[in-house]
N, C-alpha and C. Protein backbone atom coordinates (compact mmCIF):
# COMPACT_ATOMS: atom_id res chain seq x y z
N UNK A 1 33.68 192.18 164.99
CA UNK A 1 33.29 192.14 163.58
C UNK A 1 34.02 193.34 162.86
N UNK A 2 34.66 193.02 161.79
CA UNK A 2 35.46 194.01 161.07
C UNK A 2 34.51 194.99 160.32
N UNK A 3 34.99 196.23 160.19
CA UNK A 3 34.20 197.23 159.46
C UNK A 3 34.41 197.06 157.98
N UNK A 4 33.36 197.42 157.23
CA UNK A 4 33.50 197.47 155.77
C UNK A 4 33.95 198.82 155.29
N UNK A 5 34.34 198.91 154.05
CA UNK A 5 34.79 200.18 153.46
C UNK A 5 33.66 201.21 153.62
N UNK A 6 32.48 200.85 153.34
CA UNK A 6 31.33 201.73 153.41
C UNK A 6 31.14 202.26 154.84
N UNK A 7 31.27 201.37 155.84
CA UNK A 7 31.13 201.79 157.22
C UNK A 7 32.25 202.74 157.59
N UNK A 8 33.40 202.53 157.18
CA UNK A 8 34.53 203.48 157.46
C UNK A 8 34.32 204.82 156.86
N UNK A 9 33.86 204.84 155.60
CA UNK A 9 33.61 206.12 154.95
C UNK A 9 32.42 206.81 155.55
N UNK A 10 31.40 206.10 155.97
CA UNK A 10 30.23 206.71 156.60
C UNK A 10 30.68 207.35 157.90
N UNK A 11 31.54 206.70 158.67
CA UNK A 11 32.01 207.25 159.91
C UNK A 11 32.84 208.52 159.69
N UNK A 12 33.54 208.58 158.60
CA UNK A 12 34.39 209.71 158.25
C UNK A 12 33.55 210.94 157.81
N UNK A 13 32.28 210.69 157.46
CA UNK A 13 31.46 211.78 157.00
C UNK A 13 31.28 212.88 158.05
N UNK A 14 31.34 212.52 159.30
CA UNK A 14 31.23 213.53 160.38
C UNK A 14 32.38 214.54 160.28
N UNK A 15 33.57 214.07 159.95
CA UNK A 15 34.70 214.99 159.78
C UNK A 15 34.52 215.86 158.56
N UNK A 16 33.95 215.36 157.49
CA UNK A 16 33.69 216.14 156.34
C UNK A 16 32.71 217.25 156.67
N UNK A 17 31.64 216.90 157.39
CA UNK A 17 30.61 217.84 157.77
C UNK A 17 31.22 218.96 158.65
N UNK A 18 31.99 218.54 159.65
CA UNK A 18 32.56 219.53 160.56
C UNK A 18 33.49 220.51 159.82
N UNK A 19 34.39 219.99 158.98
CA UNK A 19 35.29 220.85 158.20
C UNK A 19 34.53 221.84 157.35
N UNK A 20 33.51 221.31 156.65
CA UNK A 20 32.74 222.20 155.76
C UNK A 20 31.95 223.24 156.54
N UNK A 21 31.41 222.86 157.68
CA UNK A 21 30.67 223.84 158.52
C UNK A 21 31.56 224.88 159.11
N UNK A 22 32.73 224.49 159.59
CA UNK A 22 33.69 225.49 160.12
C UNK A 22 34.11 226.42 159.00
N UNK A 23 34.44 225.90 157.86
CA UNK A 23 34.84 226.70 156.72
C UNK A 23 33.71 227.64 156.29
N UNK A 24 32.51 227.19 156.35
CA UNK A 24 31.33 228.00 155.91
C UNK A 24 30.80 228.92 157.02
N UNK A 25 31.36 228.82 158.19
CA UNK A 25 30.93 229.68 159.29
C UNK A 25 29.69 229.26 159.96
N UNK A 26 29.23 228.03 159.76
CA UNK A 26 27.95 227.59 160.33
C UNK A 26 28.16 226.63 161.50
N UNK A 27 29.36 226.24 161.81
CA UNK A 27 29.62 225.34 162.91
C UNK A 27 29.76 226.22 164.22
N UNK A 28 29.04 225.86 165.22
CA UNK A 28 29.08 226.60 166.47
C UNK A 28 30.40 226.32 167.16
N UNK A 29 31.24 227.30 167.19
CA UNK A 29 32.59 227.13 167.86
C UNK A 29 32.60 227.76 169.22
N UNK A 30 31.43 228.33 169.61
CA UNK A 30 31.30 228.88 170.99
C UNK A 30 32.39 229.86 171.33
N UNK A 31 33.11 229.60 172.39
CA UNK A 31 34.17 230.51 172.85
C UNK A 31 35.55 230.01 172.47
N UNK A 32 35.60 229.13 171.50
CA UNK A 32 36.88 228.62 171.06
C UNK A 32 37.75 229.71 170.45
N UNK A 33 39.05 229.68 170.68
CA UNK A 33 40.00 230.57 170.04
C UNK A 33 40.26 230.08 168.65
N UNK A 34 40.82 230.93 167.81
CA UNK A 34 41.17 230.49 166.43
C UNK A 34 42.13 229.35 166.47
N UNK A 35 43.09 229.35 167.42
CA UNK A 35 44.02 228.27 167.54
C UNK A 35 43.29 226.99 167.85
N UNK A 36 42.34 226.99 168.74
CA UNK A 36 41.58 225.80 169.09
C UNK A 36 40.76 225.32 167.90
N UNK A 37 40.19 226.27 167.15
CA UNK A 37 39.40 225.85 165.96
C UNK A 37 40.34 225.22 164.95
N UNK A 38 41.50 225.83 164.72
CA UNK A 38 42.45 225.27 163.73
C UNK A 38 42.89 223.85 164.21
N UNK A 39 43.11 223.68 165.51
CA UNK A 39 43.52 222.35 165.99
C UNK A 39 42.37 221.31 165.76
N UNK A 40 41.14 221.74 165.98
CA UNK A 40 39.98 220.86 165.75
C UNK A 40 39.90 220.47 164.27
N UNK A 41 40.07 221.44 163.42
CA UNK A 41 40.01 221.18 161.98
C UNK A 41 41.16 220.22 161.59
N UNK A 42 42.37 220.46 162.14
CA UNK A 42 43.50 219.60 161.83
C UNK A 42 43.24 218.18 162.29
N UNK A 43 42.68 218.00 163.48
CA UNK A 43 42.35 216.61 163.94
C UNK A 43 41.42 215.94 162.97
N UNK A 44 40.45 216.63 162.41
CA UNK A 44 39.54 216.02 161.47
C UNK A 44 40.19 215.77 160.11
N UNK A 45 41.05 216.68 159.70
CA UNK A 45 41.83 216.42 158.48
C UNK A 45 42.69 215.14 158.67
N UNK A 46 43.37 215.09 159.82
CA UNK A 46 44.18 213.88 160.13
C UNK A 46 43.34 212.61 160.13
N UNK A 47 42.13 212.70 160.69
CA UNK A 47 41.22 211.54 160.71
C UNK A 47 40.87 211.11 159.34
N UNK A 48 40.52 212.03 158.48
CA UNK A 48 40.18 211.69 157.10
C UNK A 48 41.36 211.06 156.37
N UNK A 49 42.53 211.66 156.54
CA UNK A 49 43.73 211.05 155.87
C UNK A 49 43.99 209.68 156.37
N UNK A 50 43.80 209.45 157.63
CA UNK A 50 43.99 208.09 158.20
C UNK A 50 42.99 207.13 157.62
N UNK A 51 41.72 207.51 157.59
CA UNK A 51 40.67 206.63 157.04
C UNK A 51 40.97 206.30 155.59
N UNK A 52 41.31 207.30 154.79
CA UNK A 52 41.54 207.06 153.38
C UNK A 52 42.77 206.18 153.08
N UNK A 53 43.65 206.08 154.11
CA UNK A 53 44.87 205.24 153.92
C UNK A 53 44.67 203.82 154.42
N UNK A 54 43.48 203.57 155.03
CA UNK A 54 43.26 202.19 155.54
C UNK A 54 43.40 201.14 154.45
N UNK A 55 44.07 200.04 154.84
CA UNK A 55 44.18 198.86 153.93
C UNK A 55 43.38 197.66 154.42
N UNK A 56 42.88 197.78 155.65
CA UNK A 56 42.05 196.68 156.22
C UNK A 56 40.93 197.29 157.02
N UNK A 57 39.79 197.54 156.45
CA UNK A 57 39.38 197.18 155.07
C UNK A 57 40.12 198.12 154.10
N UNK A 58 40.11 197.72 152.87
CA UNK A 58 40.89 198.42 151.85
C UNK A 58 40.19 199.66 151.33
N UNK A 59 40.11 200.67 152.19
CA UNK A 59 39.52 201.96 151.81
C UNK A 59 40.42 202.57 150.69
N UNK A 60 41.70 202.51 150.92
CA UNK A 60 42.66 203.14 149.94
C UNK A 60 42.50 202.57 148.54
N UNK A 61 42.27 201.29 148.42
CA UNK A 61 42.18 200.69 147.09
C UNK A 61 40.76 200.52 146.54
N UNK A 62 39.77 200.91 147.33
CA UNK A 62 38.37 200.68 146.86
C UNK A 62 38.02 201.71 145.78
N UNK A 63 37.03 201.31 145.00
CA UNK A 63 36.55 202.16 143.92
C UNK A 63 35.49 203.11 144.38
N UNK A 64 35.14 203.14 145.66
CA UNK A 64 34.11 204.07 146.20
C UNK A 64 34.51 205.50 145.89
N UNK A 65 33.53 206.33 145.70
CA UNK A 65 33.79 207.74 145.45
C UNK A 65 34.25 208.41 146.74
N UNK A 66 35.45 208.93 146.72
CA UNK A 66 36.01 209.56 147.91
C UNK A 66 36.21 211.06 147.72
N UNK A 67 35.53 211.63 146.72
CA UNK A 67 35.69 213.04 146.40
C UNK A 67 35.37 213.93 147.59
N UNK A 68 34.27 213.68 148.24
CA UNK A 68 33.90 214.57 149.36
C UNK A 68 34.92 214.56 150.47
N UNK A 69 35.59 213.46 150.65
CA UNK A 69 36.59 213.29 151.71
C UNK A 69 37.87 214.07 151.30
N UNK A 70 38.32 213.83 150.09
CA UNK A 70 39.53 214.48 149.63
C UNK A 70 39.34 216.01 149.52
N UNK A 71 38.15 216.42 149.12
CA UNK A 71 37.83 217.85 149.03
C UNK A 71 37.82 218.44 150.43
N UNK A 72 37.30 217.76 151.42
CA UNK A 72 37.24 218.27 152.82
C UNK A 72 38.67 218.38 153.36
N UNK A 73 39.56 217.44 153.00
CA UNK A 73 40.93 217.57 153.42
C UNK A 73 41.56 218.86 152.87
N UNK A 74 41.36 219.07 151.57
CA UNK A 74 41.92 220.27 150.94
C UNK A 74 41.32 221.53 151.59
N UNK A 75 40.00 221.50 151.80
CA UNK A 75 39.32 222.65 152.41
C UNK A 75 39.83 222.92 153.81
N UNK A 76 39.98 221.85 154.58
CA UNK A 76 40.51 221.97 155.95
C UNK A 76 41.91 222.57 156.03
N UNK A 77 42.77 222.09 155.15
CA UNK A 77 44.13 222.57 155.09
C UNK A 77 44.17 224.06 154.70
N UNK A 78 43.35 224.42 153.72
CA UNK A 78 43.29 225.77 153.29
C UNK A 78 42.71 226.71 154.38
N UNK A 79 41.68 226.19 155.09
CA UNK A 79 41.13 226.96 156.19
C UNK A 79 42.21 227.29 157.22
N UNK A 80 42.97 226.28 157.57
CA UNK A 80 43.98 226.47 158.60
C UNK A 80 45.04 227.45 158.10
N UNK A 81 45.47 227.36 156.86
CA UNK A 81 46.42 228.33 156.27
C UNK A 81 45.86 229.72 156.30
N UNK A 82 44.59 229.85 155.90
CA UNK A 82 43.96 231.17 155.82
C UNK A 82 43.72 231.79 157.19
N UNK A 83 43.69 230.99 158.25
CA UNK A 83 43.34 231.47 159.60
C UNK A 83 44.44 231.22 160.61
N UNK A 84 45.66 231.22 160.11
CA UNK A 84 46.82 231.03 161.02
C UNK A 84 47.56 232.38 161.20
């Protein structure tokens, strides 16, 4: 069964949460190095960019509000820049 746009965006919300928690200092990174944290954030940024580009289902063309996802991408990229 194919996923709907809503299902894809709901699944991507975990990446939004992770990026925002890492940026806010509330995500438990345990003994991870800064490099490992940056790599984790980058994987989640990549995941969000992939989801937002989907055309089947048409996430890219949908009228759904994607602000939290695009904001998390920007936040994640800035976090990596600031912590590199």
